[in-house]
Protein backbone atom coordinates (compact mmCIF):
# COMPACT_ATOMS: atom_id res chain seq x y z
CA MET A 1 5.08 31.14 0.97
CA ASP A 2 5.56 34.14 -1.31
CA LEU A 3 6.38 32.99 -4.82
CA PRO A 4 8.98 35.17 -6.59
CA PRO A 5 7.29 37.23 -9.33
CA ALA A 6 10.04 36.31 -11.80
CA PHE A 7 9.42 32.62 -11.04
CA LEU A 8 5.70 32.95 -11.80
CA GLU A 9 6.42 34.95 -14.93
CA ARG A 10 8.62 32.13 -16.22
CA TYR A 11 6.36 29.16 -15.52
CA LEU A 12 2.70 30.18 -15.47
CA PRO A 13 2.55 30.31 -19.30
CA LEU A 14 3.82 26.70 -19.43
CA VAL A 15 1.24 24.99 -17.21
CA ASP A 16 -2.24 23.80 -18.11
CA ASP A 17 -3.86 25.25 -14.96
CA PRO A 18 -1.96 28.27 -13.57
CA ALA A 19 -4.19 28.70 -10.50
CA ALA A 20 -3.92 25.02 -9.51
CA PHE A 21 -0.16 25.16 -10.07
CA GLN A 22 0.22 28.10 -7.69
CA ASP A 23 -1.99 26.43 -5.08
CA SER A 24 0.02 23.19 -5.30
CA LEU A 25 3.21 25.01 -4.34
CA GLN A 26 1.57 26.16 -1.10
CA GLU A 27 0.45 22.69 0.02
CA LYS A 28 2.62 19.71 0.89
CA PRO A 29 1.79 16.54 -1.06
CA PRO A 30 0.63 13.59 1.07
CA LYS A 31 3.16 11.12 2.42
CA SER A 32 3.93 8.33 -0.01
CA PHE A 33 6.14 5.27 0.02
CA ARG A 34 7.34 2.42 -2.12
CA VAL A 35 7.13 -1.18 -0.93
CA ASN A 36 10.62 -2.66 -1.05
CA THR A 37 9.81 -5.86 -2.93
CA LEU A 38 13.24 -7.28 -2.09
CA LYS A 39 11.84 -7.79 1.42
CA ALA A 40 8.05 -7.61 1.29
CA ALA A 41 5.00 -7.88 -0.97
CA PRO A 42 2.55 -4.97 -1.35
CA GLN A 43 -0.38 -7.05 -0.09
CA GLU A 44 1.30 -8.02 3.18
CA VAL A 45 2.25 -4.39 3.82
CA GLN A 46 -1.35 -3.35 3.16
CA GLU A 47 -2.58 -5.94 5.65
CA ARG A 48 -0.21 -4.75 8.37
CA PHE A 49 -1.15 -1.12 7.80
CA SER A 50 -4.80 -2.08 8.09
CA GLU A 51 -3.99 -3.56 11.51
CA TYR A 52 -2.18 -0.32 12.42
CA GLY A 53 -5.32 1.61 11.47
CA ILE A 54 -3.50 3.53 8.73
CA ALA A 55 -5.44 3.91 5.49
CA LEU A 56 -3.50 3.50 2.25
CA GLN A 57 -4.42 4.71 -1.20
CA ALA A 58 -3.18 2.71 -4.19
CA VAL A 59 -1.27 4.48 -6.96
CA PRO A 60 -2.81 3.61 -10.35
CA TRP A 61 0.44 3.77 -12.31
CA TYR A 62 2.66 1.86 -9.84
CA PRO A 63 1.32 -1.14 -7.87
CA ASP A 64 4.27 -1.08 -5.43
CA ALA A 65 3.52 2.49 -4.28
CA PHE A 66 0.99 3.87 -1.81
CA VAL A 67 -0.18 7.19 -0.43
CA SER A 68 -0.59 7.19 3.36
CA SER A 69 -3.30 8.88 5.40
CA GLU A 70 -0.81 9.08 8.30
CA PRO A 71 1.97 11.70 8.03
CA ALA A 72 4.13 9.81 10.57
CA VAL A 73 4.30 6.69 8.39
CA GLY A 74 8.05 6.61 9.07
CA GLN A 75 7.29 5.49 12.64
CA THR A 76 6.13 2.04 11.56
CA LEU A 77 7.87 -1.30 11.95
CA ASP A 78 7.81 -1.61 8.17
CA HIS A 79 9.92 1.51 7.76
CA ALA A 80 12.30 0.55 10.55
CA LEU A 81 13.03 -2.82 8.91
CA GLY A 82 13.39 -1.49 5.36
CA LEU A 83 10.17 -3.05 4.08
CA ILE A 84 9.06 0.34 2.77
CA TYR A 85 10.97 3.39 1.56
CA LEU A 86 9.54 6.89 2.01
CA GLN A 87 9.73 8.67 -1.32
CA ASP A 88 7.78 11.22 -3.32
CA LEU A 89 5.75 9.52 -6.03
CA ALA A 90 7.27 11.57 -8.85
CA SER A 91 10.76 10.52 -7.80
CA MET A 92 9.79 6.89 -8.49
CA LEU A 93 9.32 7.64 -12.19
CA PRO A 94 12.94 7.56 -13.47
CA PRO A 95 13.53 3.85 -12.66
CA LEU A 96 10.07 3.01 -14.05
CA ALA A 97 11.06 4.72 -17.30
CA LEU A 98 13.64 1.93 -17.70
CA LEU A 99 11.24 -0.88 -16.76
CA PRO A 100 11.05 -2.68 -20.17
CA GLU A 101 14.84 -2.69 -20.44
CA LEU A 102 15.27 -3.70 -16.79
CA GLU A 103 12.97 -6.69 -17.33
CA GLN A 104 15.11 -7.82 -20.27
CA LEU A 105 18.25 -7.42 -18.16
CA ARG A 106 16.65 -9.25 -15.23
CA ASP A 107 15.56 -12.22 -17.34
CA ALA A 108 18.83 -12.56 -19.26
CA PRO A 109 21.11 -15.47 -18.24
CA GLU A 110 23.68 -14.50 -15.64
CA PRO A 111 27.09 -14.12 -17.35
CA GLU A 112 29.65 -16.71 -16.31
CA GLU A 113 32.32 -14.04 -16.18
CA GLN A 114 32.65 -10.30 -16.61
CA GLU A 115 33.84 -9.22 -20.03
CA PRO A 116 35.38 -5.77 -19.66
CA PRO A 117 34.84 -3.10 -20.78
CA VAL A 118 31.12 -3.98 -20.87
CA ILE A 119 29.44 -3.98 -17.43
CA PRO A 120 26.18 -5.99 -17.79
CA GLY A 121 23.97 -3.95 -15.49
CA VAL A 122 22.59 -0.48 -14.86
CA LEU A 123 24.61 2.53 -13.72
CA ASP A 124 22.91 5.00 -11.37
CA ALA A 125 25.34 7.81 -12.02
CA CYS A 126 24.29 10.22 -9.22
CA ALA A 127 22.87 7.71 -6.79
CA ALA A 128 22.95 9.20 -3.27
CA PRO A 129 20.98 8.85 -1.05
CA GLY A 130 19.87 5.63 -2.77
CA SER A 131 16.12 5.87 -3.37
CA LYS A 132 16.34 5.22 -7.11
CA ALA A 133 19.24 2.76 -6.87
CA GLY A 134 17.23 0.70 -4.38
CA GLN A 135 14.20 0.85 -6.64
CA LEU A 136 16.32 -0.32 -9.59
CA ALA A 137 17.59 -3.24 -7.48
CA ALA A 138 14.00 -4.18 -6.59
CA LEU A 139 12.73 -3.89 -10.17
CA LEU A 140 15.53 -6.30 -11.11
CA GLN A 141 14.21 -8.61 -8.34
CA GLY A 142 17.68 -8.87 -6.82
CA ARG A 143 19.18 -10.14 -10.08
CA SER A 144 21.69 -8.60 -12.48
CA LEU A 145 23.66 -5.59 -11.19
CA VAL A 146 23.14 -2.00 -10.08
CA VAL A 147 26.27 0.17 -9.91
CA ALA A 148 25.35 3.00 -7.53
CA ASN A 149 27.85 5.82 -8.00
CA ASP A 150 28.05 9.25 -6.42
CA VAL A 151 30.81 11.81 -6.84
CA SER A 152 30.61 12.77 -3.15
CA TRP A 153 32.45 10.33 -0.92
CA GLY A 154 30.59 11.73 2.09
CA ARG A 155 27.17 11.10 0.53
CA THR A 156 28.01 7.46 -0.16
CA LYS A 157 27.71 6.71 3.57
CA ALA A 158 23.94 7.29 3.38
CA LEU A 159 23.86 5.54 0.00
CA ARG A 160 25.47 2.39 1.42
CA PHE A 161 23.25 2.41 4.51
CA ASN A 162 20.02 2.74 2.54
CA LEU A 163 20.93 0.04 0.02
CA GLU A 164 21.94 -2.35 2.82
CA LYS A 165 18.75 -1.59 4.76
CA MET A 166 16.81 -2.48 1.61
CA GLY A 167 18.70 -5.78 1.31
CA ALA A 168 20.00 -4.89 -2.16
CA THR A 169 22.59 -7.62 -2.62
CA ASN A 170 22.67 -6.88 -6.36
CA ALA A 171 23.87 -3.29 -5.80
CA VAL A 172 27.47 -2.14 -5.48
CA VAL A 173 28.63 1.33 -4.39
CA MET A 174 31.42 3.48 -5.74
CA SER A 175 32.43 7.15 -5.71
CA ARG A 176 33.89 8.62 -8.90
CA ASP A 177 33.44 11.76 -10.96
CA LEU A 178 31.79 10.75 -14.23
CA ARG A 179 34.43 12.71 -16.10
CA SER A 180 37.19 10.50 -14.66
CA PHE A 181 35.21 7.26 -14.64
CA PRO A 182 37.03 4.03 -15.61
CA ALA A 183 36.84 3.01 -19.26
CA CYS A 184 33.67 0.90 -19.42
CA GLN A 185 30.16 0.86 -20.89
CA PHE A 186 26.71 -0.01 -19.58
CA PRO A 187 23.56 -1.02 -21.48
CA LEU A 188 21.43 1.13 -19.13
CA ILE A 189 22.18 4.38 -17.29
CA LEU A 190 20.10 6.56 -14.99
CA LEU A 191 21.27 10.15 -14.54
CA ASP A 192 19.13 11.94 -11.96
CA ALA A 193 21.15 15.12 -12.15
CA PRO A 194 21.77 17.68 -9.41
CA CYS A 195 19.47 20.61 -10.16
CA SER A 196 17.84 23.76 -8.82
CA ALA A 197 15.10 21.58 -7.25
CA GLU A 198 12.24 23.97 -8.06
CA GLY A 199 9.90 20.98 -8.17
CA THR A 200 10.44 20.28 -4.47
CA ALA A 201 9.21 23.72 -3.36
CA CYS A 202 5.88 22.23 -2.26
CA ARG A 203 7.77 20.30 0.44
CA ASN A 204 10.80 22.54 0.88
CA PRO A 205 10.17 26.31 0.64
CA LEU A 206 13.94 26.91 0.80
CA ALA A 207 14.12 25.73 -2.81
CA LEU A 208 12.51 29.01 -3.88
CA GLU A 209 14.00 31.24 -1.20
CA ARG A 210 17.41 30.81 -2.84
CA TRP A 211 15.97 30.88 -6.37
CA LYS A 212 17.92 32.95 -8.89
CA PRO A 213 18.02 32.68 -12.70
CA ARG A 214 21.82 32.71 -12.69
CA LEU A 215 21.83 29.55 -10.53
CA ILE A 216 19.84 27.84 -13.28
CA GLN A 217 22.41 28.82 -15.90
CA ARG A 218 25.30 27.56 -13.78
CA LEU A 219 23.60 24.23 -13.08
CA ALA A 220 22.67 23.76 -16.74
CA ARG A 221 26.35 23.91 -17.69
CA ILE A 222 27.16 21.27 -15.04
CA GLN A 223 24.30 19.07 -16.25
CA GLN A 224 25.49 19.30 -19.85
CA ARG A 225 28.91 18.00 -18.82
CA LEU A 226 27.39 15.23 -16.70
CA LEU A 227 25.00 14.07 -19.41
CA LEU A 228 27.73 14.04 -22.04
CA ALA A 229 30.04 12.05 -19.75
CA ALA A 230 27.30 9.57 -18.80
CA PHE A 231 26.21 9.13 -22.42
CA ASP A 232 29.77 8.28 -23.46
CA HIS A 233 29.66 5.35 -21.02
CA LEU A 234 26.50 4.00 -22.67
CA LEU A 235 26.74 1.00 -24.99
CA PRO A 236 25.73 1.65 -28.60
CA GLY A 237 22.00 0.91 -28.73
CA GLY A 238 21.73 1.41 -24.96
CA VAL A 239 19.25 3.59 -23.08
CA LEU A 240 19.84 6.50 -20.70
CA VAL A 241 17.14 8.21 -18.63
CA TYR A 242 17.91 11.83 -17.76
CA SER A 243 15.81 13.35 -14.98
CA THR A 244 15.61 16.36 -12.67
CA CYS A 245 13.22 17.63 -10.01
CA THR A 246 13.06 21.12 -11.47
CA PHE A 247 10.94 23.11 -13.91
CA ALA A 248 13.68 25.10 -15.66
CA PRO A 249 13.80 24.32 -19.40
CA GLU A 250 17.49 25.25 -19.37
CA GLU A 251 18.13 22.29 -17.03
CA ASN A 252 15.72 19.95 -18.79
CA GLU A 253 14.95 20.18 -22.50
CA GLY A 254 17.92 22.49 -23.00
CA VAL A 255 20.34 19.90 -21.62
CA ALA A 256 18.80 17.09 -23.67
CA GLU A 257 18.96 19.31 -26.77
CA PHE A 258 22.66 19.92 -26.08
CA LEU A 259 23.26 16.16 -26.12
CA LEU A 260 21.29 15.66 -29.34
CA GLN A 261 23.49 18.27 -31.02
CA GLN A 262 26.71 16.67 -29.75
CA ARG A 263 26.04 12.94 -30.12
CA SER A 264 24.08 10.44 -32.23
CA ALA A 265 21.00 9.91 -30.09
CA SER A 266 17.22 10.04 -30.18
CA LEU A 267 14.43 10.32 -27.63
CA GLU A 268 11.91 7.56 -27.03
CA PRO A 269 8.33 8.11 -25.86
CA LEU A 270 7.52 7.65 -22.18
CA ARG A 271 4.17 6.28 -21.04
CA PHE A 272 2.89 5.96 -17.49
CA PRO A 273 -0.77 4.87 -17.77
CA GLY A 274 -2.83 6.60 -15.08
CA LEU A 275 -0.33 9.44 -14.53
CA ARG A 276 -1.22 12.97 -15.58
CA SER A 277 1.68 14.70 -17.29
CA SER A 278 2.64 17.18 -20.01
CA PRO A 279 4.94 16.73 -23.02
CA GLY A 280 8.40 18.23 -23.11
CA LEU A 281 8.84 21.69 -24.59
CA THR A 282 10.01 22.13 -28.18
CA ALA A 283 10.80 25.84 -27.77
CA TRP A 284 11.78 28.20 -24.97
CA GLU A 285 12.55 31.93 -24.96
CA GLY A 286 13.10 32.12 -28.70
CA GLU A 287 15.13 28.90 -28.98
CA ASP A 288 13.70 25.97 -30.93
CA PHE A 289 14.43 22.46 -29.68
CA SER A 290 14.30 19.20 -31.62
CA PRO A 291 10.72 17.93 -32.15
CA ASP A 292 11.99 14.80 -30.36
CA LEU A 293 11.80 16.75 -27.08
CA SER A 294 8.01 16.44 -27.14
CA LYS A 295 8.61 12.77 -26.18
CA ALA A 296 10.03 13.90 -22.83
CA VAL A 297 7.67 14.13 -19.85
CA ARG A 298 6.98 17.00 -17.48
CA VAL A 299 5.12 16.27 -14.25
CA TRP A 300 3.77 19.42 -12.61
CA PRO A 301 2.91 19.34 -8.87
CA HIS A 302 -0.81 20.07 -9.36
CA GLN A 303 -1.34 17.21 -11.82
CA ASN A 304 -0.91 14.32 -9.34
CA ARG A 305 -0.21 16.01 -5.95
CA THR A 306 3.49 15.19 -6.22
CA GLU A 307 6.70 17.13 -6.56
CA GLY A 308 7.60 18.41 -10.02
CA PHE A 309 9.75 16.24 -12.28
CA PHE A 310 11.22 16.03 -15.78
CA LEU A 311 12.25 12.86 -17.62
CA ALA A 312 13.77 12.13 -21.01
CA LYS A 313 14.50 8.62 -22.29
CA ILE A 314 17.45 8.70 -24.68
CA ARG A 315 18.67 5.89 -26.91
CA LYS A 316 22.19 5.85 -28.28
CA ALA A 317 22.60 5.13 -31.97
CA ARG A 318 23.83 1.60 -32.60
CA GLN A 319 26.76 2.97 -34.57
CA GLY A 320 27.76 5.15 -31.60
CA ASN A 321 31.27 5.18 -30.15
CA PRO A 322 32.33 1.50 -29.90
CA GLU A 323 35.23 2.30 -27.62
CA PRO A 324 34.30 3.17 -24.04
CA ALA A 325 35.04 6.61 -22.72
CA GLY A 326 36.95 6.99 -19.50
CA ARG A 327 40.36 7.43 -18.05
CA GLY A 328 42.65 4.54 -17.38
CA GLN A 329 42.08 0.82 -17.41
CA LEU A 330 39.65 -1.02 -15.20
CA PRO A 331 41.35 -1.69 -11.85
CA PRO A 332 41.99 -5.14 -10.41
CA LEU A 333 39.27 -6.45 -8.11
CA LEU A 334 40.13 -5.61 -4.50
CA TRP A 335 37.50 -7.82 -2.86
CA ASP A 336 38.50 -11.43 -2.24
CA THR A 337 35.91 -13.89 -3.57
CA GLY A 338 37.00 -16.68 -1.30
CA GLY A 339 39.65 -17.14 1.33
CA ARG A 340 39.71 -17.58 5.07
CA ASP A 341 37.26 -14.82 6.10
CA VAL A 342 34.52 -15.89 3.68
CA ALA A 343 34.94 -19.51 4.80
CA ALA A 344 34.76 -18.45 8.45
CA VAL A 345 31.49 -16.55 7.96
CA ARG A 346 29.81 -19.32 5.97
CA SER A 347 30.89 -21.90 8.55
CA TYR A 348 29.64 -19.70 11.41
CA LEU A 349 26.21 -19.20 9.81
CA GLY A 350 25.91 -22.91 9.18
CA THR A 351 26.83 -23.86 12.74
CA ARG A 352 25.17 -21.05 14.69
CA PHE A 353 21.96 -20.69 12.68
CA GLN A 354 21.83 -23.95 10.74
CA VAL A 355 21.76 -22.10 7.43
CA ALA A 356 23.27 -23.51 4.26
CA THR A 357 24.68 -20.76 2.03
CA SER A 358 25.67 -20.94 -1.62
CA ALA A 359 29.31 -20.37 -2.45
CA ALA A 360 28.67 -17.57 -4.96
CA GLY A 361 28.33 -13.93 -4.05
CA TRP A 362 30.58 -13.74 -0.97
CA TYR A 363 33.31 -11.11 -0.83
CA ALA A 364 35.88 -10.15 1.80
CA SER A 365 37.82 -6.92 2.13
CA PRO A 366 41.41 -6.79 3.40
CA LYS A 367 40.00 -5.43 6.70
CA GLY A 368 37.82 -8.48 7.37
CA VAL A 369 34.49 -7.06 6.18
CA VAL A 370 32.52 -9.85 4.50
CA SER A 371 29.64 -8.90 2.19
CA ARG A 372 26.90 -10.72 0.34
CA GLY A 373 26.71 -9.37 -3.19
CA PRO A 374 25.98 -10.21 -6.81
CA PRO A 375 27.33 -13.48 -8.25
CA LEU A 376 29.99 -11.55 -10.18
CA LEU A 377 31.59 -8.24 -9.24
CA PRO A 378 32.42 -5.68 -11.92
CA PRO A 379 36.10 -4.70 -12.10
CA LEU A 380 35.46 -1.23 -10.69
CA PRO A 381 36.89 0.65 -7.68
CA LEU A 382 34.09 -0.37 -5.33
CA GLN A 383 33.49 0.90 -1.82
CA ALA A 384 31.07 -1.88 -1.01
CA PRO A 385 29.57 -4.87 -2.84
CA GLY A 386 26.04 -5.75 -1.77
CA VAL A 387 25.18 -6.05 1.92
CA HIS A 388 27.68 -6.11 4.79
CA ALA A 389 27.03 -9.56 6.27
CA ALA A 390 29.67 -9.90 8.99
CA THR A 391 33.07 -8.79 10.21
CA VAL A 392 35.92 -11.18 11.00
CA GLN A 393 38.48 -10.06 13.59
CA GLU A 394 41.20 -12.39 14.84
CA GLY A 395 39.16 -15.34 13.63
CA ARG A 396 35.98 -14.28 15.47
CA VAL A 397 32.83 -13.64 13.44
CA LYS A 398 30.47 -10.78 14.29
CA PRO A 399 27.31 -10.91 12.16
CA SER A 400 25.60 -7.68 11.16
CA THR A 401 21.93 -6.78 11.52
CA MET A 402 21.58 -6.35 7.76
CA GLY A 403 23.30 -9.69 7.20
CA LEU A 404 21.02 -11.59 9.59
CA GLN A 405 17.96 -9.94 8.04
CA LEU A 406 18.96 -11.65 4.79
CA LEU A 407 18.61 -15.04 6.51
CA GLY A 408 14.89 -14.42 6.95
CA GLY A 409 13.04 -17.62 7.77
CA HIS A 410 15.97 -19.85 6.82
CA ALA A 411 17.60 -19.74 10.26
CA ARG A 412 16.56 -22.80 12.26
CA LYS A 413 18.62 -22.23 15.41
CA ASN A 414 19.22 -19.32 17.77
CA ARG A 415 16.12 -17.38 16.75
CA VAL A 416 14.49 -15.22 19.41
CA ASN A 417 10.99 -13.92 18.78
CA LEU A 418 10.16 -10.59 20.42
CA SER A 419 6.75 -9.23 21.31
CA ALA A 420 5.63 -5.99 19.69
CA GLU A 421 6.50 -4.03 22.84
CA GLN A 422 9.93 -5.67 23.12
CA ALA A 423 10.60 -4.90 19.46
CA ARG A 424 9.71 -1.24 20.02
CA GLU A 425 12.17 -1.07 22.90
CA TYR A 426 14.92 -2.84 20.97
CA ILE A 427 14.52 -0.64 17.88
CA ALA A 428 14.71 2.38 20.21
CA GLY A 429 18.12 1.13 21.40
CA GLU A 430 17.22 -0.67 24.65
CA ASP A 431 18.46 -4.03 25.93
CA ILE A 432 15.73 -6.64 26.41
CA GLY A 433 15.44 -8.91 29.43
CA LEU A 434 13.92 -12.31 28.64
CA SER A 435 12.19 -14.37 31.28
CA PRO A 436 12.18 -17.28 30.97
CA PRO A 437 15.25 -17.61 28.72
CA PRO A 438 14.26 -18.43 25.14
CA ALA A 439 14.16 -22.08 24.20
CA GLY A 440 16.49 -23.18 21.44
CA ALA A 441 18.87 -20.24 21.88
CA THR A 442 22.26 -20.19 23.54
CA ASP A 443 24.42 -17.26 24.57
CA GLY A 444 25.94 -15.48 21.61
CA TYR A 445 24.59 -13.69 18.59
CA VAL A 446 20.95 -14.43 17.79
CA LEU A 447 18.49 -13.57 15.04
CA LEU A 448 15.69 -11.46 16.49
CA THR A 449 12.25 -11.63 14.91
CA VAL A 450 8.93 -9.88 15.43
CA ARG A 451 5.63 -10.84 13.80
CA GLY A 452 7.61 -13.42 11.83
CA LEU A 453 9.81 -10.71 10.32
CA PRO A 454 13.61 -10.71 10.74
CA LEU A 455 14.45 -7.71 12.92
CA GLY A 456 18.20 -8.24 13.00
CA CYS A 457 21.06 -9.12 15.29
CA GLY A 458 21.09 -9.28 19.08
CA LEU A 459 23.69 -10.51 21.57
CA LEU A 460 22.17 -12.94 24.08
CA GLN A 461 23.94 -12.96 27.46
CA ALA A 462 22.44 -14.69 30.52
CA GLY A 463 18.83 -14.06 29.54
CA VAL A 464 19.38 -10.49 28.32
CA VAL A 465 19.51 -9.45 24.66
CA ARG A 466 22.20 -6.78 24.44
CA ASN A 467 21.44 -4.14 21.82
CA VAL A 468 23.81 -4.23 18.84
CA LEU A 469 21.48 -2.48 16.41
CA PRO A 470 23.37 0.12 14.33
CA LYS A 471 22.75 3.61 15.71
CA ALA A 472 21.49 4.75 12.31
CA MET A 473 18.67 2.19 12.56
CA ARG A 474 17.52 3.13 16.05
CA GLN A 475 14.30 5.10 16.22
CA ALA A 476 11.05 5.45 18.11
CA ILE A 477 8.21 3.58 16.42
CA ARG A 478 4.49 3.83 17.14
CA TRP A 479 3.13 0.98 15.04
CA CYS A 480 4.48 -2.55 15.37
């Protein structure tokens, strides 16, 4: 890949090792993934990968992350079932920057009721496709609340799918422009802003093929508006992490400096023991930034064999705006917390699978979609709360694959264990003939398992498991 001369002229003076930086942009970083601790523990994933013959390298600054020796790590059972999430290591940093505050939120008593306009959780303001929102949900250990928002209605389809595949019952999805967001405030906000993506050039050469300085200027103006809007939805004393996957100071330190000039805020130091990084810039092209910007973090591709990233951790002054920004009042909750459909699903799960379910955290839409979500829903215009568990049509219950995965080992009836080869065929979209018919299972929907792991939903009919796996989950896998 030919690097634009103007690009090199901008950034070579900023890096600690110019030659290594240039080399890193010509070589793809190794495949990496995060263990989804909502569904699996790092040790059990390591043990399975050892059986697959795939070597894993631990990441010193994040015990849930690994680097894989196998580029096709996405063709494993673990990936198919949402036990791991493929993600560049640097892109895991923004949620980790909030870890101390997330732990406080996680360990706080669950509120008995929502008290608008304060939403007691974390807002992922530009959440699609869901990698960081899912990581936030896992760092909260399924407790508290993640509001995963994206301005693009179309992108929320992938966002919802990924969060459901991860089993993130404590995440809710919505689609609103931050500038017309309802009047509310959050104690924690993550803004991983749309950017020129220069830091991804090592994986995606197109990022530099379209590179132009005027694109940087246009994006910086958008980022300024987004950061200001997000910050105004932050509780006084709250924390916001601003991040991008680009090198441009105009999109990074320049945007943070803009906020510091407009609002009462300060930067807090970021520490990731074991990670090589550089401090934020305090000057660029004749413009001096606040000395606070040295507390921001720059991760260059050559430092850790990752994509490039920028992070700034910003705390709002405690005397900041007490009244929440936003347009209009919080809307009434559109998801029914009880009613006939929720009762039908809970009764069905109890009868069909002998599973006792708690009454809290069930929600039904007017169209019969029943979801398993957080104990309390925020009064926001939600697309989806938690994980789609089942659909009720004319009194009949159809469980979902994601919903049955949540049952895990709790189901005591109508479980069908598949061999590794049968699981491969089912995940690829095939029906599975069973001979002899499975003991303890009757015709109807069944929970399929493989290696003791919940695979999902199947429809048993006369000794054949009909494939009802969502098309988005179907794939060819090599390791099972």
